[in-house]
């Protein structure tokens, strides 16, 4: 049980550190191709869309399974 808790805590810390690192950096989109070194690590809009899709599918599957 402690191993799984450690794995989950490690994943949360990694995601939090990457999010903080990305939010500190400035976006290079407005500066053109010369500022590619400052691009963010993660495209957070895509992550948000994927997370929303995952939650919706999980909820729909839960409703389908629990209605039986």
Protein backbone atom coordinates (compact mmCIF):
# COMPACT_ATOMS: atom_id res chain seq x y z
CA UNK A 1 0.00 0.00 0.00
CA UNK A 2 2.86 2.38 0.79
CA UNK A 3 4.41 1.74 -2.60
CA UNK A 4 1.22 2.74 -4.44
CA UNK A 5 0.85 5.84 -2.26
CA UNK A 6 4.47 6.74 -3.05
CA UNK A 7 3.92 6.26 -6.77
CA UNK A 8 0.81 8.45 -6.74
CA UNK A 9 2.53 11.12 -4.64
CA UNK A 10 5.53 11.08 -6.98
CA UNK A 11 3.31 11.52 -10.04
CA UNK A 12 1.50 14.43 -8.41
CA UNK A 13 4.78 16.09 -7.45
CA UNK A 14 6.14 15.66 -10.99
CA UNK A 15 3.02 17.12 -12.60
CA UNK A 16 3.02 20.00 -10.12
CA UNK A 17 6.70 20.77 -10.73
CA UNK A 18 6.24 20.75 -14.51
CA UNK A 19 3.17 22.97 -14.23
CA UNK A 20 5.02 25.48 -12.03
CA UNK A 21 8.03 25.43 -14.35
CA UNK A 22 5.80 26.01 -17.39
CA UNK A 23 3.85 28.81 -15.73
CA UNK A 24 7.06 30.67 -14.85
CA UNK A 25 8.37 30.58 -18.43
CA UNK A 26 7.08 33.04 -20.98
CA UNK A 27 5.41 31.82 -24.13
CA UNK A 28 7.42 31.93 -27.32
CA UNK A 29 4.37 31.93 -29.59
CA UNK A 30 4.23 35.72 -29.88
CA UNK A 31 7.98 36.04 -30.45
CA UNK A 32 8.21 33.83 -33.53
CA UNK A 33 10.68 31.10 -34.42
CA UNK A 34 13.71 32.77 -32.86
CA UNK A 35 12.47 32.11 -29.29
CA UNK A 36 11.92 28.36 -29.51
CA UNK A 37 14.17 27.73 -26.49
CA UNK A 38 11.49 29.18 -24.15
CA UNK A 39 8.64 26.89 -25.19
CA UNK A 40 6.67 25.15 -22.46
CA UNK A 41 7.18 21.46 -21.73
CA UNK A 42 3.48 20.54 -21.82
CA UNK A 43 0.62 21.87 -23.92
CA UNK A 44 -1.81 22.38 -21.03
CA UNK A 45 -4.82 23.00 -23.30
CA UNK A 46 -4.44 19.51 -24.74
CA UNK A 47 -4.03 18.05 -21.24
CA UNK A 48 -7.23 19.78 -20.09
CA UNK A 49 -9.17 18.49 -23.11
CA UNK A 50 -7.87 14.94 -22.60
CA UNK A 51 -8.66 15.06 -18.86
CA UNK A 52 -12.20 16.27 -19.58
CA UNK A 53 -12.68 13.49 -22.14
CA UNK A 54 -11.36 10.90 -19.66
CA UNK A 55 -13.68 12.10 -16.88
CA UNK A 56 -16.70 12.12 -19.20
CA UNK A 57 -16.01 8.60 -20.47
CA UNK A 58 -15.36 7.29 -16.96
CA UNK A 59 -18.61 8.82 -15.72
CA UNK A 60 -20.59 7.41 -18.65
CA UNK A 61 -19.08 3.96 -18.13
CA UNK A 62 -19.80 4.13 -14.38
CA UNK A 63 -23.44 5.01 -15.07
CA UNK A 64 -23.69 2.18 -17.61
CA UNK A 65 -22.15 -0.38 -15.23
CA UNK A 66 -24.07 0.72 -12.13
CA UNK A 67 -27.42 0.69 -13.92
CA UNK A 68 -27.25 -3.07 -14.48
